């Protein structure tokens, strides 16, 4: 597995679940996120997929959409388990502050 890479996204995108703006990333990758990559909203725990931005978006910008059930089920078992564990951790954190 690669090292953890963190950074700022070229532009902010709203989480389609909670509406909060996402402007950074952290993950096990050798590159910043690209269209088709998966993510989890750190604010609400929603499973997300990076998308190609609209025509008027700045260079390098990405959009976000909710991950479908089929996409979740298609994940490798280890990846799905890690993804779900991260979502539970975010949900636990949210319950503790609300």
N, C-alpha and C. Protein backbone atom coordinates (compact mmCIF):
# COMPACT_ATOMS: atom_id res chain seq x y z
N UNK A 1 0.85 -1.18 0.00
CA UNK A 1 0.00 0.00 0.00
C UNK A 1 0.89 1.23 0.00
N UNK A 2 0.44 2.29 -0.65
CA UNK A 2 1.23 3.51 -0.76
C UNK A 2 1.13 4.34 0.51
N UNK A 3 1.97 5.35 0.58
CA UNK A 3 1.93 6.27 1.71
C UNK A 3 0.67 7.10 1.66
N UNK A 4 0.39 7.78 2.77
CA UNK A 4 -0.77 8.67 2.83
C UNK A 4 -0.40 9.99 2.18
N UNK A 5 -1.26 10.46 1.29
CA UNK A 5 -1.08 11.73 0.60
C UNK A 5 -2.24 12.64 0.98
N UNK A 6 -1.94 13.86 1.35
CA UNK A 6 -2.96 14.86 1.69
C UNK A 6 -2.69 16.12 0.89
N UNK A 7 -3.73 16.89 0.65
CA UNK A 7 -3.54 18.14 -0.05
C UNK A 7 -4.84 18.89 -0.25
N UNK A 8 -4.71 20.04 -0.88
CA UNK A 8 -5.86 20.88 -1.21
C UNK A 8 -6.35 20.51 -2.60
N UNK A 9 -7.66 20.47 -2.78
CA UNK A 9 -8.24 20.28 -4.11
C UNK A 9 -8.14 21.60 -4.87
N UNK A 10 -8.08 21.57 -6.20
CA UNK A 10 -7.98 22.81 -6.98
C UNK A 10 -9.17 23.75 -6.78
N UNK A 11 -10.32 23.19 -6.43
CA UNK A 11 -11.49 24.01 -6.13
C UNK A 11 -12.38 23.23 -5.17
N UNK A 12 -13.28 23.93 -4.52
CA UNK A 12 -14.16 23.27 -3.55
C UNK A 12 -15.38 22.70 -4.27
N UNK A 13 -15.90 21.59 -3.73
CA UNK A 13 -17.12 20.98 -4.25
C UNK A 13 -18.03 20.69 -3.06
N UNK A 14 -19.32 20.88 -3.25
CA UNK A 14 -20.28 20.63 -2.17
C UNK A 14 -20.60 19.15 -2.08
N UNK A 15 -20.65 18.64 -0.85
CA UNK A 15 -21.10 17.27 -0.63
C UNK A 15 -22.57 17.21 -1.02
N UNK A 16 -22.97 16.28 -1.89
CA UNK A 16 -24.37 16.21 -2.29
C UNK A 16 -25.30 15.73 -1.18
N UNK A 17 -24.74 15.24 -0.07
CA UNK A 17 -25.57 14.78 1.04
C UNK A 17 -25.81 15.90 2.05
N UNK A 18 -24.75 16.54 2.53
CA UNK A 18 -24.90 17.55 3.58
C UNK A 18 -24.73 18.98 3.08
N UNK A 19 -24.18 19.16 1.89
CA UNK A 19 -24.03 20.49 1.32
C UNK A 19 -22.78 21.24 1.75
N UNK A 20 -22.02 20.69 2.68
CA UNK A 20 -20.81 21.38 3.11
C UNK A 20 -19.73 21.27 2.04
N UNK A 21 -18.87 22.29 1.99
CA UNK A 21 -17.85 22.34 0.95
C UNK A 21 -16.62 21.52 1.32
N UNK A 22 -16.18 20.74 0.38
CA UNK A 22 -14.99 19.90 0.55
C UNK A 22 -13.87 20.52 -0.27
N UNK A 23 -12.75 20.80 0.41
CA UNK A 23 -11.65 21.47 -0.29
C UNK A 23 -10.30 20.77 -0.12
N UNK A 24 -10.30 19.60 0.51
CA UNK A 24 -9.04 18.89 0.74
C UNK A 24 -9.28 17.39 0.62
N UNK A 25 -8.18 16.65 0.54
CA UNK A 25 -8.25 15.19 0.43
C UNK A 25 -7.13 14.57 1.25
N UNK A 26 -7.35 13.35 1.67
CA UNK A 26 -6.34 12.52 2.32
C UNK A 26 -6.61 11.09 1.88
N UNK A 27 -5.57 10.38 1.49
CA UNK A 27 -5.80 9.00 1.08
C UNK A 27 -4.53 8.25 0.79
N UNK A 28 -4.69 6.96 0.57
CA UNK A 28 -3.58 6.08 0.22
C UNK A 28 -3.46 6.10 -1.30
N UNK A 29 -2.69 7.02 -1.81
CA UNK A 29 -2.55 7.17 -3.25
C UNK A 29 -1.24 7.88 -3.55
N UNK A 30 -0.82 7.78 -4.78
CA UNK A 30 0.39 8.48 -5.21
C UNK A 30 0.04 9.74 -5.99
N UNK A 31 -1.26 10.07 -6.02
CA UNK A 31 -1.71 11.24 -6.78
C UNK A 31 -2.96 11.82 -6.15
N UNK A 32 -3.27 13.05 -6.46
CA UNK A 32 -4.54 13.63 -5.99
C UNK A 32 -5.72 12.90 -6.64
N UNK A 33 -6.92 13.07 -6.11
CA UNK A 33 -8.08 12.37 -6.67
C UNK A 33 -8.38 12.79 -8.11
N UNK A 34 -8.97 11.85 -8.84
CA UNK A 34 -9.40 12.07 -10.22
C UNK A 34 -10.85 11.60 -10.35
N UNK A 35 -11.48 11.99 -11.43
CA UNK A 35 -12.85 11.54 -11.69
C UNK A 35 -12.92 10.02 -11.61
N UNK A 36 -13.91 9.50 -10.90
CA UNK A 36 -14.09 8.07 -10.71
C UNK A 36 -13.54 7.55 -9.39
N UNK A 37 -12.68 8.32 -8.73
CA UNK A 37 -12.14 7.92 -7.43
C UNK A 37 -13.21 8.07 -6.36
N UNK A 38 -13.08 7.27 -5.31
CA UNK A 38 -14.04 7.28 -4.20
C UNK A 38 -13.57 8.20 -3.09
N UNK A 39 -14.54 8.66 -2.30
CA UNK A 39 -14.24 9.50 -1.15
C UNK A 39 -15.33 9.31 -0.11
N UNK A 40 -15.08 9.85 1.07
CA UNK A 40 -16.07 9.89 2.14
C UNK A 40 -16.10 11.31 2.67
N UNK A 41 -17.29 11.87 2.80
CA UNK A 41 -17.41 13.22 3.36
C UNK A 41 -17.03 13.17 4.84
N UNK A 42 -16.04 13.97 5.22
CA UNK A 42 -15.60 14.01 6.61
C UNK A 42 -16.63 14.68 7.51
N UNK A 43 -17.60 15.37 6.93
CA UNK A 43 -18.61 16.08 7.72
C UNK A 43 -19.82 15.22 8.03
N UNK A 44 -20.24 14.37 7.06
CA UNK A 44 -21.47 13.59 7.28
C UNK A 44 -21.28 12.09 7.06
N UNK A 45 -20.15 11.66 6.49
CA UNK A 45 -19.88 10.25 6.28
C UNK A 45 -20.45 9.66 5.00
N UNK A 46 -21.00 10.50 4.13
CA UNK A 46 -21.58 10.00 2.87
C UNK A 46 -20.49 9.41 1.98
N UNK A 47 -20.81 8.30 1.31
CA UNK A 47 -19.92 7.73 0.30
C UNK A 47 -20.05 8.53 -0.97
N UNK A 48 -18.92 8.97 -1.51
CA UNK A 48 -18.91 9.88 -2.66
C UNK A 48 -18.03 9.35 -3.78
N UNK A 49 -18.29 9.86 -4.99
CA UNK A 49 -17.46 9.58 -6.16
C UNK A 49 -17.12 10.92 -6.79
N UNK A 50 -15.84 11.13 -7.08
CA UNK A 50 -15.42 12.33 -7.80
C UNK A 50 -15.90 12.24 -9.24
N UNK A 51 -16.36 13.37 -9.80
CA UNK A 51 -16.88 13.42 -11.16
C UNK A 51 -16.17 14.50 -11.96
N UNK A 52 -16.34 14.43 -13.27
CA UNK A 52 -15.86 15.50 -14.13
C UNK A 52 -16.68 16.74 -13.84
N UNK A 53 -16.05 17.90 -13.80
CA UNK A 53 -16.80 19.13 -13.51
C UNK A 53 -17.55 19.62 -14.75
N UNK A 54 -18.36 20.62 -14.52
CA UNK A 54 -19.06 21.26 -15.62
C UNK A 54 -18.10 22.03 -16.50
N UNK A 55 -18.59 22.50 -17.63
CA UNK A 55 -17.76 23.18 -18.62
C UNK A 55 -17.09 24.44 -18.09
N UNK A 56 -17.75 25.18 -17.23
CA UNK A 56 -17.22 26.46 -16.75
C UNK A 56 -16.34 26.32 -15.51
N UNK A 57 -16.05 25.11 -15.09
CA UNK A 57 -15.26 24.89 -13.87
C UNK A 57 -13.79 25.23 -14.12
N UNK A 58 -13.10 25.65 -13.06
CA UNK A 58 -11.67 25.93 -13.20
C UNK A 58 -10.88 24.67 -13.56
N UNK A 59 -9.71 24.85 -14.14
CA UNK A 59 -8.86 23.72 -14.52
C UNK A 59 -8.57 22.86 -13.29
N UNK A 60 -8.68 21.56 -13.45
CA UNK A 60 -8.39 20.64 -12.36
C UNK A 60 -9.53 20.44 -11.37
N UNK A 61 -10.62 21.16 -11.54
CA UNK A 61 -11.75 21.05 -10.61
C UNK A 61 -12.43 19.69 -10.76
N UNK A 62 -13.04 19.23 -9.68
CA UNK A 62 -13.79 17.98 -9.68
C UNK A 62 -15.15 18.21 -9.05
N UNK A 63 -16.14 17.47 -9.48
CA UNK A 63 -17.44 17.48 -8.83
C UNK A 63 -17.55 16.26 -7.93
N UNK A 64 -18.68 16.15 -7.24
CA UNK A 64 -18.94 15.01 -6.36
C UNK A 64 -20.37 14.54 -6.56
N UNK A 65 -20.56 13.23 -6.47
CA UNK A 65 -21.91 12.66 -6.46
C UNK A 65 -21.92 11.54 -5.43
N UNK A 66 -23.13 11.16 -5.01
CA UNK A 66 -23.25 10.07 -4.05
C UNK A 66 -22.88 8.75 -4.71
N UNK A 67 -22.23 7.89 -3.97
CA UNK A 67 -21.88 6.56 -4.44
C UNK A 67 -23.16 5.73 -4.51
N UNK A 68 -23.30 4.97 -5.57
CA UNK A 68 -24.48 4.11 -5.71
C UNK A 68 -24.31 2.82 -4.92
N UNK A 69 -25.42 2.16 -4.66
CA UNK A 69 -25.38 0.86 -3.98
C UNK A 69 -24.56 -0.14 -4.80
N UNK A 70 -24.73 -0.12 -6.13
CA UNK A 70 -23.98 -1.04 -7.00
C UNK A 70 -22.48 -0.78 -6.91
N UNK A 71 -22.08 0.48 -6.83
CA UNK A 71 -20.65 0.80 -6.71
C UNK A 71 -20.10 0.30 -5.37
N UNK A 72 -20.88 0.46 -4.32
CA UNK A 72 -20.45 -0.02 -3.00
C UNK A 72 -20.31 -1.54 -3.01
N UNK A 73 -21.29 -2.23 -3.58
CA UNK A 73 -21.25 -3.69 -3.61
C UNK A 73 -20.14 -4.22 -4.50
N UNK A 74 -19.69 -3.42 -5.48
CA UNK A 74 -18.63 -3.85 -6.39
C UNK A 74 -17.22 -3.69 -5.80
N UNK A 75 -17.12 -3.02 -4.65
CA UNK A 75 -15.81 -2.84 -4.03
C UNK A 75 -15.23 -4.19 -3.61
N UNK A 76 -13.92 -4.30 -3.69
CA UNK A 76 -13.24 -5.48 -3.16
C UNK A 76 -13.61 -5.60 -1.68
N UNK A 77 -13.75 -6.80 -1.14
CA UNK A 77 -14.17 -6.96 0.26
C UNK A 77 -13.32 -6.16 1.27
N UNK A 78 -12.01 -6.19 1.11
CA UNK A 78 -11.15 -5.44 2.05
C UNK A 78 -11.38 -3.94 1.93
N UNK A 79 -11.56 -3.46 0.70
CA UNK A 79 -11.80 -2.03 0.48
C UNK A 79 -13.15 -1.63 1.06
N UNK A 80 -14.16 -2.46 0.82
CA UNK A 80 -15.50 -2.16 1.35
C UNK A 80 -15.48 -2.13 2.88
N UNK A 81 -14.76 -3.08 3.49
CA UNK A 81 -14.68 -3.12 4.95
C UNK A 81 -14.00 -1.86 5.49
N UNK A 82 -12.91 -1.44 4.87
CA UNK A 82 -12.23 -0.22 5.29
C UNK A 82 -13.13 1.00 5.10
N UNK A 83 -13.79 1.07 3.96
CA UNK A 83 -14.69 2.18 3.65
C UNK A 83 -15.79 2.29 4.70
N UNK A 84 -16.42 1.16 5.02
CA UNK A 84 -17.50 1.16 6.00
C UNK A 84 -17.00 1.47 7.40
N UNK A 85 -15.80 1.01 7.74
CA UNK A 85 -15.22 1.32 9.04
C UNK A 85 -14.95 2.82 9.17
N UNK A 86 -14.49 3.45 8.09
CA UNK A 86 -14.25 4.89 8.11
C UNK A 86 -15.57 5.65 8.25
N UNK A 87 -16.60 5.20 7.56
CA UNK A 87 -17.91 5.84 7.67
C UNK A 87 -18.44 5.73 9.10
N UNK A 88 -18.32 4.56 9.73
CA UNK A 88 -18.79 4.38 11.11
C UNK A 88 -18.02 5.31 12.06
N UNK A 89 -16.73 5.48 11.84
CA UNK A 89 -15.94 6.36 12.69
C UNK A 89 -16.44 7.80 12.59
N UNK A 90 -16.77 8.24 11.39
CA UNK A 90 -17.29 9.59 11.21
C UNK A 90 -18.66 9.71 11.88
N UNK A 91 -19.52 8.72 11.69
CA UNK A 91 -20.85 8.75 12.32
C UNK A 91 -20.74 8.75 13.84
N UNK A 92 -19.81 7.99 14.40
CA UNK A 92 -19.59 7.97 15.85
C UNK A 92 -19.14 9.34 16.33
N UNK A 93 -18.23 9.95 15.59
CA UNK A 93 -17.76 11.30 15.95
C UNK A 93 -18.91 12.30 15.91
N UNK A 94 -19.75 12.20 14.90
CA UNK A 94 -20.89 13.13 14.80
C UNK A 94 -21.85 12.96 15.98
N UNK A 95 -22.13 11.72 16.37
CA UNK A 95 -23.03 11.49 17.51
C UNK A 95 -22.44 12.06 18.80
N UNK A 96 -21.13 12.00 18.94
CA UNK A 96 -20.50 12.47 20.17
C UNK A 96 -20.50 14.00 20.29
N UNK A 97 -20.63 14.70 19.16
CA UNK A 97 -20.61 16.17 19.23
C UNK A 97 -22.01 16.78 19.13
N UNK A 98 -23.00 15.97 18.83
CA UNK A 98 -24.38 16.47 18.72
C UNK A 98 -25.17 16.18 19.95
